[in-house]
Amino acid sequence: MVLDLLEIRMKTVSIVEYMKSLEEPFKEEFLSRKQAYQPNQEAINKLGAFAGEYMIIAFSAAWCKDCAVNIPVLAIINETSGLEVRFSED
């Protein structure tokens, strides 16, 4: 089975768009975690090697504590490595 990345992009939003769409108090939690997280630069460099070849699709809910911890990290990975991270509501 071959996945169509264009179709996936059309059915998802960027991680940046997702984080902007969050409502309070969830938005504050997500942004606070994002500001506090310090990525491992070696890991970011390794992930950057896959930019353009792979895409991460995240499934999240604003009320989910695990999502509040991990989605901001994925946003940083997106920003610093160039690896595409998208959000799906499906």
C-alpha atoms as a PDB file:
ATOM      1  CA  MET A   1       0.000   0.000   0.000  1.00  0.00           C
ATOM      2  CA  VAL A   2       1.368   3.395  -1.012  1.00  0.00           C
ATOM      3  CA  LEU A   3       0.309   6.412   0.995  1.00  0.00           C
ATOM      4  CA  ASP A   4      -0.462   9.632  -0.817  1.00  0.00           C
ATOM      5  CA  LEU A   5       1.236  12.409   1.179  1.00  0.00           C
ATOM      6  CA  LEU A   6      -0.733  15.118  -0.624  1.00  0.00           C
ATOM      7  CA  GLU A   7      -3.982  13.454   0.413  1.00  0.00           C
ATOM      8  CA  ILE A   8      -2.745  13.167   3.998  1.00  0.00           C
ATOM      9  CA  ARG A   9      -1.805  16.861   4.013  1.00  0.00           C
ATOM     10  CA  MET A  10      -5.290  17.763   2.797  1.00  0.00           C
ATOM     11  CA  LYS A  11      -6.907  15.767   5.624  1.00  0.00           C
ATOM     12  CA  THR A  12      -4.643  17.083   8.385  1.00  0.00           C
ATOM     13  CA  VAL A  13      -3.314  20.385   9.744  1.00  0.00           C
ATOM     14  CA  SER A  14       0.220  21.358  10.594  1.00  0.00           C
ATOM     15  CA  ILE A  15       1.260  20.990  14.197  1.00  0.00           C
ATOM     16  CA  VAL A  16       1.653  24.783  14.329  1.00  0.00           C
ATOM     17  CA  GLU A  17      -1.949  25.279  13.169  1.00  0.00           C
ATOM     18  CA  TYR A  18      -3.132  22.730  15.711  1.00  0.00           C
ATOM     19  CA  MET A  19      -1.368  24.445  18.608  1.00  0.00           C
ATOM     20  CA  LYS A  20      -2.717  27.849  17.531  1.00  0.00           C
ATOM     21  CA  SER A  21      -6.256  26.435  17.489  1.00  0.00           C
ATOM     22  CA  LEU A  22      -6.155  25.254  21.100  1.00  0.00           C
ATOM     23  CA  GLU A  23      -8.351  27.066  23.596  1.00  0.00           C
ATOM     24  CA  GLU A  24      -7.428  28.097  27.120  1.00  0.00           C
ATOM     25  CA  PRO A  25      -6.455  26.652  29.540  1.00  0.00           C
ATOM     26  CA  PHE A  26      -5.060  23.936  27.260  1.00  0.00           C
ATOM     27  CA  LYS A  27      -3.188  26.344  25.009  1.00  0.00           C
ATOM     28  CA  GLU A  28      -1.244  27.729  27.985  1.00  0.00           C
ATOM     29  CA  GLU A  29      -0.261  24.217  29.115  1.00  0.00           C
ATOM     30  CA  PHE A  30       0.963  23.259  25.643  1.00  0.00           C
ATOM     31  CA  LEU A  31       2.908  26.507  25.124  1.00  0.00           C
ATOM     32  CA  SER A  32       4.444  26.334  28.598  1.00  0.00           C
ATOM     33  CA  ARG A  33       5.706  22.809  27.915  1.00  0.00           C
ATOM     34  CA  LYS A  34       7.049  23.893  24.532  1.00  0.00           C
ATOM     35  CA  GLN A  35       9.016  26.768  26.061  1.00  0.00           C
ATOM     36  CA  ALA A  36      10.447  24.577  28.832  1.00  0.00           C
ATOM     37  CA  TYR A  37      11.533  21.634  26.677  1.00  0.00           C
ATOM     38  CA  GLN A  38      15.199  21.407  25.697  1.00  0.00           C
ATOM     39  CA  PRO A  39      15.704  19.054  22.737  1.00  0.00           C
ATOM     40  CA  ASN A  40      18.756  16.869  22.302  1.00  0.00           C
ATOM     41  CA  GLN A  41      20.571  18.514  19.391  1.00  0.00           C
ATOM     42  CA  GLU A  42      22.163  15.266  18.231  1.00  0.00           C
ATOM     43  CA  ALA A  43      18.735  13.623  18.012  1.00  0.00           C
ATOM     44  CA  ILE A  44      17.334  16.668  16.176  1.00  0.00           C
ATOM     45  CA  ASN A  45      20.162  16.456  13.640  1.00  0.00           C
ATOM     46  CA  LYS A  46      19.477  12.765  13.066  1.00  0.00           C
ATOM     47  CA  LEU A  47      15.755  13.392  12.624  1.00  0.00           C
ATOM     48  CA  GLY A  48      16.529  16.194  10.171  1.00  0.00           C
ATOM     49  CA  ALA A  49      18.085  13.631   7.860  1.00  0.00           C
ATOM     50  CA  PHE A  50      14.581  12.189   7.345  1.00  0.00           C
ATOM     51  CA  ALA A  51      12.903  15.537   6.553  1.00  0.00           C
ATOM     52  CA  GLY A  52      11.186  15.317   3.204  1.00  0.00           C
ATOM     53  CA  GLU A  53      11.055  11.522   3.297  1.00  0.00           C
ATOM     54  CA  TYR A  54       8.788  10.963   6.290  1.00  0.00           C
ATOM     55  CA  MET A  55       5.896  12.652   8.010  1.00  0.00           C
ATOM     56  CA  ILE A  56       4.667  12.258  11.580  1.00  0.00           C
ATOM     57  CA  ILE A  57       0.899  12.181  12.036  1.00  0.00           C
ATOM     58  CA  ALA A  58      -0.147  12.981  15.595  1.00  0.00           C
ATOM     59  CA  PHE A  59      -3.512  12.271  17.172  1.00  0.00           C
ATOM     60  CA  SER A  60      -4.298  14.468  20.139  1.00  0.00           C
ATOM     61  CA  ALA A  61      -6.911  15.828  22.469  1.00  0.00           C
ATOM     62  CA  ALA A  62      -6.422  19.102  24.333  1.00  0.00           C
ATOM     63  CA  TRP A  63      -7.635  17.566  27.620  1.00  0.00           C
ATOM     64  CA  CYS A  64      -5.174  14.646  27.408  1.00  0.00           C
ATOM     65  CA  LYS A  65      -2.257  15.029  29.841  1.00  0.00           C
ATOM     66  CA  ASP A  66       0.052  12.848  27.712  1.00  0.00           C
ATOM     67  CA  CYS A  67      -0.739  15.025  24.688  1.00  0.00           C
ATOM     68  CA  ALA A  68       0.064  18.177  26.665  1.00  0.00           C
ATOM     69  CA  VAL A  69       3.497  16.674  27.320  1.00  0.00           C
ATOM     70  CA  ASN A  70       4.247  15.215  23.890  1.00  0.00           C
ATOM     71  CA  ILE A  71       2.591  17.409  21.249  1.00  0.00           C
ATOM     72  CA  PRO A  72       4.754  20.427  22.169  1.00  0.00           C
ATOM     73  CA  VAL A  73       7.834  18.224  21.776  1.00  0.00           C
ATOM     74  CA  LEU A  74       6.652  17.219  18.307  1.00  0.00           C
ATOM     75  CA  ALA A  75       6.199  20.924  17.495  1.00  0.00           C
ATOM     76  CA  ILE A  76       9.826  21.548  18.465  1.00  0.00           C
ATOM     77  CA  ILE A  77      10.967  18.592  16.361  1.00  0.00           C
ATOM     78  CA  ASN A  78       9.042  20.065  13.431  1.00  0.00           C
ATOM     79  CA  GLU A  79      10.598  23.510  13.898  1.00  0.00           C
ATOM     80  CA  THR A  80      14.175  22.436  14.549  1.00  0.00           C
ATOM     81  CA  SER A  81      14.632  19.419  12.286  1.00  0.00           C
ATOM     82  CA  GLY A  82      12.330  20.216   9.379  1.00  0.00           C
ATOM     83  CA  LEU A  83      10.595  16.847   9.818  1.00  0.00           C
ATOM     84  CA  GLU A  84       6.937  17.435   8.951  1.00  0.00           C
ATOM     85  CA  VAL A  85       4.499  16.905  11.811  1.00  0.00           C
ATOM     86  CA  ARG A  86       0.750  17.036  11.161  1.00  0.00           C
ATOM     87  CA  PHE A  87      -2.334  16.620  13.321  1.00  0.00           C
ATOM     88  CA  SER A  88      -5.369  14.528  12.520  1.00  0.00           C
ATOM     89  CA  GLU A  89      -8.742  14.559  14.204  1.00  0.00           C
ATOM     90  CA  ASP A  90      -9.614  11.144  12.712  1.00  0.00           C
END
